[in-house]
C-alpha atoms as a PDB file:
ATOM      1  CA  UNK A   1      28.312 -35.483  43.202  1.00  0.00           C
ATOM      2  CA  UNK A   2      25.849 -38.336  44.122  1.00  0.00           C
ATOM      3  CA  UNK A   3      27.703 -41.423  46.016  1.00  0.00           C
ATOM      4  CA  UNK A   4      26.423 -44.741  45.226  1.00  0.00           C
ATOM      5  CA  UNK A   5      26.306 -47.274  48.317  1.00  0.00           C
ATOM      6  CA  UNK A   6      25.938 -50.879  49.096  1.00  0.00           C
ATOM      7  CA  UNK A   7      22.661 -50.222  50.207  1.00  0.00           C
ATOM      8  CA  UNK A   8      20.991 -50.608  46.956  1.00  0.00           C
ATOM      9  CA  UNK A   9      19.566 -54.495  46.848  1.00  0.00           C
ATOM     10  CA  UNK A  10      20.792 -56.544  44.399  1.00  0.00           C
ATOM     11  CA  UNK A  11      18.506 -59.041  43.267  1.00  0.00           C
ATOM     12  CA  UNK A  12      17.078 -61.580  40.579  1.00  0.00           C
ATOM     13  CA  UNK A  13      13.398 -60.564  39.328  1.00  0.00           C
ATOM     14  CA  UNK A  14      12.249 -62.797  36.130  1.00  0.00           C
ATOM     15  CA  UNK A  15      15.961 -63.596  35.120  1.00  0.00           C
ATOM     16  CA  UNK A  16      17.157 -59.336  35.565  1.00  0.00           C
ATOM     17  CA  UNK A  17      19.813 -58.264  37.977  1.00  0.00           C
ATOM     18  CA  UNK A  18      17.950 -55.536  39.093  1.00  0.00           C
ATOM     19  CA  UNK A  19      20.458 -53.738  40.609  1.00  0.00           C
ATOM     20  CA  UNK A  20      22.003 -53.314  37.138  1.00  0.00           C
ATOM     21  CA  UNK A  21      19.452 -51.635  36.390  1.00  0.00           C
ATOM     22  CA  UNK A  22      19.098 -49.269  38.784  1.00  0.00           C
ATOM     23  CA  UNK A  23      22.690 -47.795  38.312  1.00  0.00           C
ATOM     24  CA  UNK A  24      22.217 -47.927  34.754  1.00  0.00           C
ATOM     25  CA  UNK A  25      18.969 -45.636  34.452  1.00  0.00           C
ATOM     26  CA  UNK A  26      21.004 -43.437  37.434  1.00  0.00           C
ATOM     27  CA  UNK A  27      23.967 -43.314  35.039  1.00  0.00           C
ATOM     28  CA  UNK A  28      21.837 -41.915  32.802  1.00  0.00           C
ATOM     29  CA  UNK A  29      19.989 -39.492  34.949  1.00  0.00           C
ATOM     30  CA  UNK A  30      24.156 -38.038  35.847  1.00  0.00           C
ATOM     31  CA  UNK A  31      24.759 -38.135  32.154  1.00  0.00           C
ATOM     32  CA  UNK A  32      21.620 -35.775  31.610  1.00  0.00           C
ATOM     33  CA  UNK A  33      22.392 -33.622  34.254  1.00  0.00           C
ATOM     34  CA  UNK A  34      25.822 -32.918  32.502  1.00  0.00           C
ATOM     35  CA  UNK A  35      24.972 -33.054  28.783  1.00  0.00           C
ATOM     36  CA  UNK A  36      22.254 -30.192  29.653  1.00  0.00           C
ATOM     37  CA  UNK A  37      22.657 -26.657  27.612  1.00  0.00           C
ATOM     38  CA  UNK A  38      20.179 -24.766  25.389  1.00  0.00           C
ATOM     39  CA  UNK A  39      19.774 -23.492  22.217  1.00  0.00           C
ATOM     40  CA  UNK A  40      17.928 -20.149  21.926  1.00  0.00           C
ATOM     41  CA  UNK A  41      16.486 -18.972  19.120  1.00  0.00           C
ATOM     42  CA  UNK A  42      15.746 -15.486  18.786  1.00  0.00           C
ATOM     43  CA  UNK A  43      12.401 -14.209  16.401  1.00  0.00           C
ATOM     44  CA  UNK A  44      12.309 -10.646  14.983  1.00  0.00           C
ATOM     45  CA  UNK A  45       9.412  -9.706  12.435  1.00  0.00           C
ATOM     46  CA  UNK A  46       9.590  -5.646  10.668  1.00  0.00           C
ATOM     47  CA  UNK A  47       9.464  -4.915   7.179  1.00  0.00           C
ATOM     48  CA  UNK A  48      12.249  -3.108   4.778  1.00  0.00           C
ATOM     49  CA  UNK A  49      11.918  -1.050   1.999  1.00  0.00           C
ATOM     50  CA  UNK A  50      12.218  -2.948  -1.525  1.00  0.00           C
ATOM     51  CA  UNK A  51      12.233  -0.011  -4.014  1.00  0.00           C
ATOM     52  CA  UNK A  52      15.637  -0.786  -5.462  1.00  0.00           C
ATOM     53  CA  UNK A  53      14.489  -3.876  -6.254  1.00  0.00           C
ATOM     54  CA  UNK A  54      10.986  -2.842  -8.250  1.00  0.00           C
ATOM     55  CA  UNK A  55      13.388  -1.980 -11.560  1.00  0.00           C
ATOM     56  CA  UNK A  56      13.669  -6.310 -11.794  1.00  0.00           C
ATOM     57  CA  UNK A  57      12.087  -7.746  -9.554  1.00  0.00           C
ATOM     58  CA  UNK A  58       7.731  -7.673 -10.062  1.00  0.00           C
ATOM     59  CA  UNK A  59       6.281  -7.107  -6.821  1.00  0.00           C
ATOM     60  CA  UNK A  60       2.512  -6.853  -7.684  1.00  0.00           C
ATOM     61  CA  UNK A  61      -0.003  -8.819  -6.079  1.00  0.00           C
ATOM     62  CA  UNK A  62      -3.773  -9.504  -7.062  1.00  0.00           C
ATOM     63  CA  UNK A  63      -5.835  -7.838  -4.411  1.00  0.00           C
ATOM     64  CA  UNK A  64      -8.025 -10.555  -2.847  1.00  0.00           C
ATOM     65  CA  UNK A  65     -11.524 -10.484  -3.789  1.00  0.00           C
ATOM     66  CA  UNK A  66     -11.848 -10.808  -6.831  1.00  0.00           C
ATOM     67  CA  UNK A  67     -13.270  -7.000  -7.754  1.00  0.00           C
ATOM     68  CA  UNK A  68     -13.231  -4.960 -10.710  1.00  0.00           C
ATOM     69  CA  UNK A  69     -13.010  -1.413 -11.479  1.00  0.00           C
ATOM     70  CA  UNK A  70     -13.305   0.762 -13.806  1.00  0.00           C
ATOM     71  CA  UNK A  71     -10.249   2.768 -15.073  1.00  0.00           C
ATOM     72  CA  UNK A  72      -9.511   5.457 -13.368  1.00  0.00           C
ATOM     73  CA  UNK A  73     -12.317   5.224 -10.990  1.00  0.00           C
ATOM     74  CA  UNK A  74     -10.413   3.506  -7.619  1.00  0.00           C
ATOM     75  CA  UNK A  75      -9.579   6.000  -5.036  1.00  0.00           C
ATOM     76  CA  UNK A  76      -7.730   4.975  -1.563  1.00  0.00           C
ATOM     77  CA  UNK A  77      -8.490   7.297   1.919  1.00  0.00           C
ATOM     78  CA  UNK A  78      -5.191   8.256   4.316  1.00  0.00           C
ATOM     79  CA  UNK A  79      -7.038   5.209   6.544  1.00  0.00           C
ATOM     80  CA  UNK A  80      -7.129   2.723   3.898  1.00  0.00           C
ATOM     81  CA  UNK A  81     -11.096   3.080   3.037  1.00  0.00           C
ATOM     82  CA  UNK A  82     -10.325   1.705  -1.216  1.00  0.00           C
ATOM     83  CA  UNK A  83     -13.391   2.130  -3.288  1.00  0.00           C
ATOM     84  CA  UNK A  84     -14.507   2.599  -7.145  1.00  0.00           C
ATOM     85  CA  UNK A  85     -16.634   2.357  -9.903  1.00  0.00           C
ATOM     86  CA  UNK A  86     -17.696  -1.217 -10.591  1.00  0.00           C
ATOM     87  CA  UNK A  87     -18.640  -2.521 -14.104  1.00  0.00           C
ATOM     88  CA  UNK A  88     -22.247  -2.400 -13.162  1.00  0.00           C
ATOM     89  CA  UNK A  89     -21.863   1.456 -12.324  1.00  0.00           C
ATOM     90  CA  UNK A  90     -22.209   1.363  -8.347  1.00  0.00           C
ATOM     91  CA  UNK A  91     -19.668   2.224  -6.451  1.00  0.00           C
ATOM     92  CA  UNK A  92     -17.857  -0.477  -4.381  1.00  0.00           C
ATOM     93  CA  UNK A  93     -15.661  -0.094  -1.029  1.00  0.00           C
ATOM     94  CA  UNK A  94     -12.949  -3.091  -0.406  1.00  0.00           C
ATOM     95  CA  UNK A  95     -12.555  -3.908   3.492  1.00  0.00           C
ATOM     96  CA  UNK A  96      -9.129  -4.831   3.853  1.00  0.00           C
ATOM     97  CA  UNK A  97     -10.106  -6.641   6.693  1.00  0.00           C
ATOM     98  CA  UNK A  98     -12.395  -9.458   5.756  1.00  0.00           C
ATOM     99  CA  UNK A  99     -10.824  -8.737   1.968  1.00  0.00           C
ATOM    100  CA  UNK A 100     -14.031  -8.706   0.801  1.00  0.00           C
ATOM    101  CA  UNK A 101     -15.395  -6.236  -1.940  1.00  0.00           C
ATOM    102  CA  UNK A 102     -19.360  -3.802  -1.086  1.00  0.00           C
ATOM    103  CA  UNK A 103     -21.296  -2.622  -2.625  1.00  0.00           C
ATOM    104  CA  UNK A 104     -23.327   0.740  -2.242  1.00  0.00           C
ATOM    105  CA  UNK A 105     -26.296   0.778  -4.418  1.00  0.00           C
ATOM    106  CA  UNK A 106     -27.892   4.331  -2.729  1.00  0.00           C
ATOM    107  CA  UNK A 107     -24.614   5.772  -4.323  1.00  0.00           C
ATOM    108  CA  UNK A 108     -26.410   5.185  -7.682  1.00  0.00           C
ATOM    109  CA  UNK A 109     -24.544   4.613 -10.488  1.00  0.00           C
ATOM    110  CA  UNK A 110     -24.450   8.430 -11.384  1.00  0.00           C
ATOM    111  CA  UNK A 111     -21.178   8.404 -10.058  1.00  0.00           C
ATOM    112  CA  UNK A 112     -18.355   9.407 -12.788  1.00  0.00           C
ATOM    113  CA  UNK A 113     -14.920   9.799 -10.558  1.00  0.00           C
ATOM    114  CA  UNK A 114     -14.946   8.789  -7.038  1.00  0.00           C
ATOM    115  CA  UNK A 115     -12.219  10.629  -4.521  1.00  0.00           C
ATOM    116  CA  UNK A 116     -12.144   9.304  -1.178  1.00  0.00           C
ATOM    117  CA  UNK A 117     -10.030  11.649   2.095  1.00  0.00           C
ATOM    118  CA  UNK A 118     -11.456   8.739   4.138  1.00  0.00           C
ATOM    119  CA  UNK A 119     -14.097   6.571   4.774  1.00  0.00           C
ATOM    120  CA  UNK A 120     -16.687   9.112   6.475  1.00  0.00           C
ATOM    121  CA  UNK A 121     -14.721  11.968   3.234  1.00  0.00           C
ATOM    122  CA  UNK A 122     -16.807  10.780   0.412  1.00  0.00           C
ATOM    123  CA  UNK A 123     -16.580  12.579  -2.658  1.00  0.00           C
ATOM    124  CA  UNK A 124     -17.719  12.011  -6.764  1.00  0.00           C
ATOM    125  CA  UNK A 125     -18.497  13.777  -9.888  1.00  0.00           C
ATOM    126  CA  UNK A 126     -21.475  13.660 -11.879  1.00  0.00           C
ATOM    127  CA  UNK A 127     -23.240  14.623 -15.044  1.00  0.00           C
ATOM    128  CA  UNK A 128     -25.464  17.736 -14.024  1.00  0.00           C
ATOM    129  CA  UNK A 129     -27.438  20.250 -16.177  1.00  0.00           C
ATOM    130  CA  UNK A 130     -24.801  22.844 -15.564  1.00  0.00           C
ATOM    131  CA  UNK A 131     -21.487  21.101 -16.414  1.00  0.00           C
ATOM    132  CA  UNK A 132     -22.211  18.575 -18.730  1.00  0.00           C
ATOM    133  CA  UNK A 133     -22.031  21.211 -22.285  1.00  0.00           C
ATOM    134  CA  UNK A 134     -18.483  21.873 -20.708  1.00  0.00           C
ATOM    135  CA  UNK A 135     -17.948  18.086 -21.115  1.00  0.00           C
ATOM    136  CA  UNK A 136     -17.265  18.695 -17.296  1.00  0.00           C
ATOM    137  CA  UNK A 137     -18.826  17.044 -14.458  1.00  0.00           C
ATOM    138  CA  UNK A 138     -20.813  18.334 -10.648  1.00  0.00           C
ATOM    139  CA  UNK A 139     -18.940  17.740  -7.614  1.00  0.00           C
ATOM    140  CA  UNK A 140     -20.778  16.088  -4.782  1.00  0.00           C
ATOM    141  CA  UNK A 141     -20.528  14.583  -1.468  1.00  0.00           C
ATOM    142  CA  UNK A 142     -21.372  11.833   0.566  1.00  0.00           C
ATOM    143  CA  UNK A 143     -23.152  12.579   3.714  1.00  0.00           C
ATOM    144  CA  UNK A 144     -24.078   8.829   4.266  1.00  0.00           C
ATOM    145  CA  UNK A 145     -27.084   8.906   2.806  1.00  0.00           C
ATOM    146  CA  UNK A 146     -27.813  10.737   0.007  1.00  0.00           C
ATOM    147  CA  UNK A 147     -25.720  12.953  -2.642  1.00  0.00           C
ATOM    148  CA  UNK A 148     -25.494  16.862  -1.627  1.00  0.00           C
ATOM    149  CA  UNK A 149     -23.526  19.339  -3.845  1.00  0.00           C
ATOM    150  CA  UNK A 150     -22.158  22.119  -2.392  1.00  0.00           C
ATOM    151  CA  UNK A 151     -21.616  24.158  -5.577  1.00  0.00           C
ATOM    152  CA  UNK A 152     -23.221  23.650  -8.960  1.00  0.00           C
ATOM    153  CA  UNK A 153     -21.544  25.975 -10.379  1.00  0.00           C
ATOM    154  CA  UNK A 154     -18.300  24.506  -9.765  1.00  0.00           C
ATOM    155  CA  UNK A 155     -17.078  22.164 -12.646  1.00  0.00           C
ATOM    156  CA  UNK A 156     -14.526  19.605 -12.872  1.00  0.00           C
ATOM    157  CA  UNK A 157     -12.936  16.550 -15.201  1.00  0.00           C
ATOM    158  CA  UNK A 158     -10.878  15.417 -13.152  1.00  0.00           C
ATOM    159  CA  UNK A 159      -9.995  15.628  -9.245  1.00  0.00           C
ATOM    160  CA  UNK A 160      -8.355  14.405  -5.596  1.00  0.00           C
ATOM    161  CA  UNK A 161      -8.609  14.984  -1.753  1.00  0.00           C
ATOM    162  CA  UNK A 162      -6.485  13.671   0.724  1.00  0.00           C
ATOM    163  CA  UNK A 163      -7.660  13.411   4.382  1.00  0.00           C
ATOM    164  CA  UNK A 164      -4.309  14.173   6.007  1.00  0.00           C
ATOM    165  CA  UNK A 165      -5.971  17.764   6.055  1.00  0.00           C
ATOM    166  CA  UNK A 166      -9.144  17.746   3.598  1.00  0.00           C
ATOM    167  CA  UNK A 167      -7.619  19.448   0.827  1.00  0.00           C
ATOM    168  CA  UNK A 168      -9.495  18.589  -2.029  1.00  0.00           C
ATOM    169  CA  UNK A 169      -8.809  20.417  -6.027  1.00  0.00           C
ATOM    170  CA  UNK A 170      -9.390  20.059  -8.857  1.00  0.00           C
ATOM    171  CA  UNK A 171      -9.274  20.446 -12.877  1.00  0.00           C
ATOM    172  CA  UNK A 172     -11.477  22.564 -13.920  1.00  0.00           C
ATOM    173  CA  UNK A 173     -12.351  24.013 -17.905  1.00  0.00           C
ATOM    174  CA  UNK A 174      -9.419  24.667 -19.899  1.00  0.00           C
ATOM    175  CA  UNK A 175      -7.128  22.529 -17.940  1.00  0.00           C
ATOM    176  CA  UNK A 176      -6.991  24.984 -14.813  1.00  0.00           C
ATOM    177  CA  UNK A 177      -6.351  23.300 -11.722  1.00  0.00           C
ATOM    178  CA  UNK A 178      -8.477  24.877  -8.939  1.00  0.00           C
ATOM    179  CA  UNK A 179      -7.380  24.388  -5.241  1.00  0.00           C
ATOM    180  CA  UNK A 180     -10.807  24.233  -3.179  1.00  0.00           C
ATOM    181  CA  UNK A 181      -9.064  24.316   0.177  1.00  0.00           C
ATOM    182  CA  UNK A 182      -9.791  21.687   3.029  1.00  0.00           C
ATOM    183  CA  UNK A 183     -13.592  23.442   3.885  1.00  0.00           C
ATOM    184  CA  UNK A 184     -14.929  22.639   0.587  1.00  0.00           C
ATOM    185  CA  UNK A 185     -18.078  21.311   2.117  1.00  0.00           C
ATOM    186  CA  UNK A 186     -18.948  24.700   3.995  1.00  0.00           C
ATOM    187  CA  UNK A 187     -16.980  27.674   1.793  1.00  0.00           C
ATOM    188  CA  UNK A 188     -18.431  25.935  -1.700  1.00  0.00           C
ATOM    189  CA  UNK A 189     -15.473  28.026  -3.113  1.00  0.00           C
ATOM    190  CA  UNK A 190     -12.091  27.381  -4.932  1.00  0.00           C
ATOM    191  CA  UNK A 191      -9.276  29.285  -6.122  1.00  0.00           C
ATOM    192  CA  UNK A 192      -7.550  28.385  -9.983  1.00  0.00           C
ATOM    193  CA  UNK A 193      -3.480  27.912  -8.863  1.00  0.00           C
ATOM    194  CA  UNK A 194      -2.741  26.595 -12.273  1.00  0.00           C
ATOM    195  CA  UNK A 195      -3.559  26.438 -16.028  1.00  0.00           C
ATOM    196  CA  UNK A 196      -2.892  24.130 -19.103  1.00  0.00           C
ATOM    197  CA  UNK A 197      -2.377  20.912 -17.053  1.00  0.00           C
ATOM    198  CA  UNK A 198      -4.124  17.914 -17.806  1.00  0.00           C
ATOM    199  CA  UNK A 199      -4.245  15.462 -14.020  1.00  0.00           C
ATOM    200  CA  UNK A 200      -3.855  16.303 -10.497  1.00  0.00           C
ATOM    201  CA  UNK A 201      -3.298  14.965  -7.274  1.00  0.00           C
ATOM    202  CA  UNK A 202      -2.638  16.243  -3.814  1.00  0.00           C
ATOM    203  CA  UNK A 203      -1.110  14.944  -1.264  1.00  0.00           C
ATOM    204  CA  UNK A 204      -1.507  17.850   1.657  1.00  0.00           C
ATOM    205  CA  UNK A 205      -2.231  21.561   0.736  1.00  0.00           C
ATOM    206  CA  UNK A 206       1.717  21.657   0.885  1.00  0.00           C
ATOM    207  CA  UNK A 207       2.235  19.160  -1.856  1.00  0.00           C
ATOM    208  CA  UNK A 208       0.572  18.286  -5.277  1.00  0.00           C
ATOM    209  CA  UNK A 209       1.451  17.061  -8.621  1.00  0.00           C
ATOM    210  CA  UNK A 210       0.131  17.407 -11.872  1.00  0.00           C
ATOM    211  CA  UNK A 211       0.924  16.728 -15.372  1.00  0.00           C
ATOM    212  CA  UNK A 212       1.974  18.792 -18.005  1.00  0.00           C
ATOM    213  CA  UNK A 213       4.231  19.212 -21.038  1.00  0.00           C
ATOM    214  CA  UNK A 214       8.249  20.167 -20.902  1.00  0.00           C
ATOM    215  CA  UNK A 215      10.522  20.256 -23.583  1.00  0.00           C
ATOM    216  CA  UNK A 216      11.810  16.923 -24.434  1.00  0.00           C
ATOM    217  CA  UNK A 217      14.483  16.851 -27.504  1.00  0.00           C
ATOM    218  CA  UNK A 218      13.422  19.437 -29.713  1.00  0.00           C
ATOM    219  CA  UNK A 219       9.642  19.168 -29.217  1.00  0.00           C
ATOM    220  CA  UNK A 220       7.719  18.719 -26.636  1.00  0.00           C
ATOM    221  CA  UNK A 221       5.739  16.047 -24.395  1.00  0.00           C
ATOM    222  CA  UNK A 222       3.671  15.070 -21.065  1.00  0.00           C
ATOM    223  CA  UNK A 223       5.807  15.496 -17.606  1.00  0.00           C
ATOM    224  CA  UNK A 224       5.755  15.866 -14.428  1.00  0.00           C
ATOM    225  CA  UNK A 225       4.875  19.328 -12.272  1.00  0.00           C
ATOM    226  CA  UNK A 226       5.002  19.394  -8.289  1.00  0.00           C
ATOM    227  CA  UNK A 227       3.260  22.549  -6.487  1.00  0.00           C
ATOM    228  CA  UNK A 228       4.332  22.917  -2.984  1.00  0.00           C
ATOM    229  CA  UNK A 229       0.753  24.745  -2.879  1.00  0.00           C
ATOM    230  CA  UNK A 230       1.260  27.690  -5.025  1.00  0.00           C
ATOM    231  CA  UNK A 231       2.418  27.626  -8.583  1.00  0.00           C
ATOM    232  CA  UNK A 232       3.393  24.366 -10.437  1.00  0.00           C
ATOM    233  CA  UNK A 233       6.563  23.905 -12.182  1.00  0.00           C
ATOM    234  CA  UNK A 234       8.103  21.307 -13.976  1.00  0.00           C
ATOM    235  CA  UNK A 235      10.137  18.586 -12.124  1.00  0.00           C
ATOM    236  CA  UNK A 236      13.634  18.908 -12.160  1.00  0.00           C
ATOM    237  CA  UNK A 237      14.121  14.985 -12.728  1.00  0.00           C
ATOM    238  CA  UNK A 238      12.217  13.361 -14.891  1.00  0.00           C
ATOM    239  CA  UNK A 239      10.928   9.603 -15.751  1.00  0.00           C
ATOM    240  CA  UNK A 240      12.274   7.638 -18.341  1.00  0.00           C
ATOM    241  CA  UNK A 241       8.488   7.679 -20.245  1.00  0.00           C
ATOM    242  CA  UNK A 242       6.285  10.114 -20.600  1.00  0.00           C
ATOM    243  CA  UNK A 243       2.778  10.129 -18.064  1.00  0.00           C
ATOM    244  CA  UNK A 244      -0.388  10.085 -18.267  1.00  0.00           C
ATOM    245  CA  UNK A 245      -0.962  10.495 -14.498  1.00  0.00           C
ATOM    246  CA  UNK A 246       0.295  10.958 -10.646  1.00  0.00           C
ATOM    247  CA  UNK A 247      -0.076  10.673  -7.768  1.00  0.00           C
ATOM    248  CA  UNK A 248       1.640  12.276  -4.322  1.00  0.00           C
ATOM    249  CA  UNK A 249       1.931  10.833  -1.138  1.00  0.00           C
ATOM    250  CA  UNK A 250       4.024  11.765   1.722  1.00  0.00           C
ATOM    251  CA  UNK A 251       6.740  10.334   0.884  1.00  0.00           C
ATOM    252  CA  UNK A 252       5.975   8.837  -2.891  1.00  0.00           C
ATOM    253  CA  UNK A 253       5.825  10.337  -6.071  1.00  0.00           C
ATOM    254  CA  UNK A 254       3.894   8.265  -8.454  1.00  0.00           C
ATOM    255  CA  UNK A 255       3.686   7.947 -12.627  1.00  0.00           C
ATOM    256  CA  UNK A 256       2.448   6.541 -14.505  1.00  0.00           C
ATOM    257  CA  UNK A 257       0.653   5.718 -18.345  1.00  0.00           C
ATOM    258  CA  UNK A 258      -0.896   2.687 -19.810  1.00  0.00           C
ATOM    259  CA  UNK A 259       2.178   0.002 -19.841  1.00  0.00           C
ATOM    260  CA  UNK A 260       4.535   1.383 -17.068  1.00  0.00           C
ATOM    261  CA  UNK A 261       4.868   3.491 -14.175  1.00  0.00           C
ATOM    262  CA  UNK A 262       7.744   4.611 -12.057  1.00  0.00           C
ATOM    263  CA  UNK A 263       8.218   5.227  -8.647  1.00  0.00           C
ATOM    264  CA  UNK A 264      10.394   8.683  -7.826  1.00  0.00           C
ATOM    265  CA  UNK A 265      12.026   8.502  -3.933  1.00  0.00           C
ATOM    266  CA  UNK A 266      11.427  12.051  -2.076  1.00  0.00           C
ATOM    267  CA  UNK A 267      14.796  11.549  -0.279  1.00  0.00           C
ATOM    268  CA  UNK A 268      17.275  10.233  -3.142  1.00  0.00           C
ATOM    269  CA  UNK A 269      15.616  12.127  -6.264  1.00  0.00           C
ATOM    270  CA  UNK A 270      16.355   9.060  -8.371  1.00  0.00           C
ATOM    271  CA  UNK A 271      13.151   7.421  -9.986  1.00  0.00           C
ATOM    272  CA  UNK A 272      12.636   3.604 -10.066  1.00  0.00           C
ATOM    273  CA  UNK A 273      11.063   1.712 -12.715  1.00  0.00           C
ATOM    274  CA  UNK A 274       8.614  -0.407 -11.945  1.00  0.00           C
ATOM    275  CA  UNK A 275       8.884  -3.839 -13.393  1.00  0.00           C
ATOM    276  CA  UNK A 276       5.734  -5.765 -14.518  1.00  0.00           C
ATOM    277  CA  UNK A 277       3.806  -2.829 -14.826  1.00  0.00           C
ATOM    278  CA  UNK A 278       2.391  -3.648 -18.314  1.00  0.00           C
ATOM    279  CA  UNK A 279      -0.743  -2.347 -17.470  1.00  0.00           C
ATOM    280  CA  UNK A 280      -1.745   0.136 -16.006  1.00  0.00           C
ATOM    281  CA  UNK A 281      -5.711   1.992 -15.985  1.00  0.00           C
ATOM    282  CA  UNK A 282      -5.692   3.989 -12.186  1.00  0.00           C
ATOM    283  CA  UNK A 283      -3.777   4.073  -9.222  1.00  0.00           C
ATOM    284  CA  UNK A 284      -4.674   5.320  -6.230  1.00  0.00           C
ATOM    285  CA  UNK A 285      -1.978   5.523  -2.940  1.00  0.00           C
ATOM    286  CA  UNK A 286      -1.768   7.711   0.559  1.00  0.00           C
ATOM    287  CA  UNK A 287       2.272   5.884   1.157  1.00  0.00           C
ATOM    288  CA  UNK A 288       4.556   4.424  -0.490  1.00  0.00           C
ATOM    289  CA  UNK A 289       3.420   1.067   1.399  1.00  0.00           C
ATOM    290  CA  UNK A 290      -0.435   1.887  -0.276  1.00  0.00           C
ATOM    291  CA  UNK A 291       0.116   1.576  -3.764  1.00  0.00           C
ATOM    292  CA  UNK A 292      -2.505   0.466  -5.405  1.00  0.00           C
ATOM    293  CA  UNK A 293      -3.271  -0.470  -9.910  1.00  0.00           C
ATOM    294  CA  UNK A 294      -6.372  -1.430 -11.771  1.00  0.00           C
ATOM    295  CA  UNK A 295      -4.453  -3.846 -14.179  1.00  0.00           C
ATOM    296  CA  UNK A 296      -5.614  -6.115 -16.942  1.00  0.00           C
ATOM    297  CA  UNK A 297      -9.806  -6.792 -16.929  1.00  0.00           C
ATOM    298  CA  UNK A 298      -9.487  -4.000 -14.234  1.00  0.00           C
ATOM    299  CA  UNK A 299      -7.996  -6.144 -11.529  1.00  0.00           C
ATOM    300  CA  UNK A 300      -6.951  -4.242  -8.703  1.00  0.00           C
ATOM    301  CA  UNK A 301      -3.475  -4.931  -7.769  1.00  0.00           C
ATOM    302  CA  UNK A 302      -1.263  -3.915  -4.865  1.00  0.00           C
ATOM    303  CA  UNK A 303       2.893  -3.292  -5.398  1.00  0.00           C
ATOM    304  CA  UNK A 304       4.061  -4.949  -2.242  1.00  0.00           C
ATOM    305  CA  UNK A 305       6.585  -2.035  -1.701  1.00  0.00           C
ATOM    306  CA  UNK A 306       8.053  -2.313   1.944  1.00  0.00           C
ATOM    307  CA  UNK A 307       7.904  -6.009   2.277  1.00  0.00           C
ATOM    308  CA  UNK A 308       7.633  -8.293   5.896  1.00  0.00           C
ATOM    309  CA  UNK A 309      10.814 -10.070   6.943  1.00  0.00           C
ATOM    310  CA  UNK A 310      11.356 -12.713   9.483  1.00  0.00           C
ATOM    311  CA  UNK A 311      14.752 -13.397  10.523  1.00  0.00           C
ATOM    312  CA  UNK A 312      16.220 -15.484  13.414  1.00  0.00           C
ATOM    313  CA  UNK A 313      19.339 -15.929  15.707  1.00  0.00           C
ATOM    314  CA  UNK A 314      20.501 -19.084  17.202  1.00  0.00           C
ATOM    315  CA  UNK A 315      22.231 -18.275  20.631  1.00  0.00           C
ATOM    316  CA  UNK A 316      23.686 -20.944  23.074  1.00  0.00           C
ATOM    317  CA  UNK A 317      25.995 -23.477  23.812  1.00  0.00           C
ATOM    318  CA  UNK A 318      26.186 -27.122  24.263  1.00  0.00           C
ATOM    319  CA  UNK A 319      29.020 -28.833  26.317  1.00  0.00           C
ATOM    320  CA  UNK A 320      30.089 -31.778  28.558  1.00  0.00           C
ATOM    321  CA  UNK A 321      28.502 -34.481  26.975  1.00  0.00           C
ATOM    322  CA  UNK A 322      30.147 -37.650  26.340  1.00  0.00           C
ATOM    323  CA  UNK A 323      30.613 -39.170  22.708  1.00  0.00           C
ATOM    324  CA  UNK A 324      28.403 -41.847  23.446  1.00  0.00           C
ATOM    325  CA  UNK A 325      25.288 -39.365  24.425  1.00  0.00           C
ATOM    326  CA  UNK A 326      25.886 -37.290  22.044  1.00  0.00           C
ATOM    327  CA  UNK A 327      25.777 -39.859  19.700  1.00  0.00           C
ATOM    328  CA  UNK A 328      22.348 -40.308  20.568  1.00  0.00           C
ATOM    329  CA  UNK A 329      20.967 -37.399  20.839  1.00  0.00           C
ATOM    330  CA  UNK A 330      18.905 -35.309  17.684  1.00  0.00           C
ATOM    331  CA  UNK A 331      19.342 -31.604  17.518  1.00  0.00           C
END
């Protein structure tokens, strides 16, 4: 305890009693020391899966950069390297960090479809004299400067590749599915693994999806097929609408048609229709949190399934102040 003694002098300066002023200042310091407390705010950041809310909440966000992609040409690698065929027919890539698009004039305008495993593994389908008479396209690989064709007899109408294990699959003549394995660049050989499907997507060698005919009521219609690397079988749980395309990732299965998109939770084994999916012109994804779709006008959109959040928690206390001191304190 601080004791005030008679050593404090008292005099008047310009009509003001200096003793009273010093005691008042010292008393304020005493009050401040007694009243001092501290509230601590702890801020945490994270991400949460909002799939359960997608049926009623539009989570689509326009990809910055004003890009425009042609239908069913959007593709995405496991390193988040994104490409599509632009309206000028040249391949374009998207820089996620800079949020800008870059044209690749050296790749030419013959590309019909792109399939990306990573920035170092870019594939495409292009017209060739051998494949074109069958209504199919040749399979080409970009080596950094030119397109190379490992096998001139390989002809697909659609293909998919994954950066997880580099497995490449394609849709051949008569809607047959061909597995070219992880080393097609060197082996240049593929093996037929299924027939009568109209679409194919691969997440890894043991995880694929396709679109094929299933019984719907008394008739037939499109349904989702899955494979663990061998035979494709119709999924026991089908979405509410008939799909024309699908994408398989390591933690989700996406199906869509021109006016609808749904996500299948591999753990809960349930389908969720995604609100706002009124114009779907191609889908790309390598995980649940990186789903992209070409929407109205060819603009790419990102589905914010994994939404960021910021949480704050207040702790601590403020005690021991006279009412007069608290009346002038602002929190």
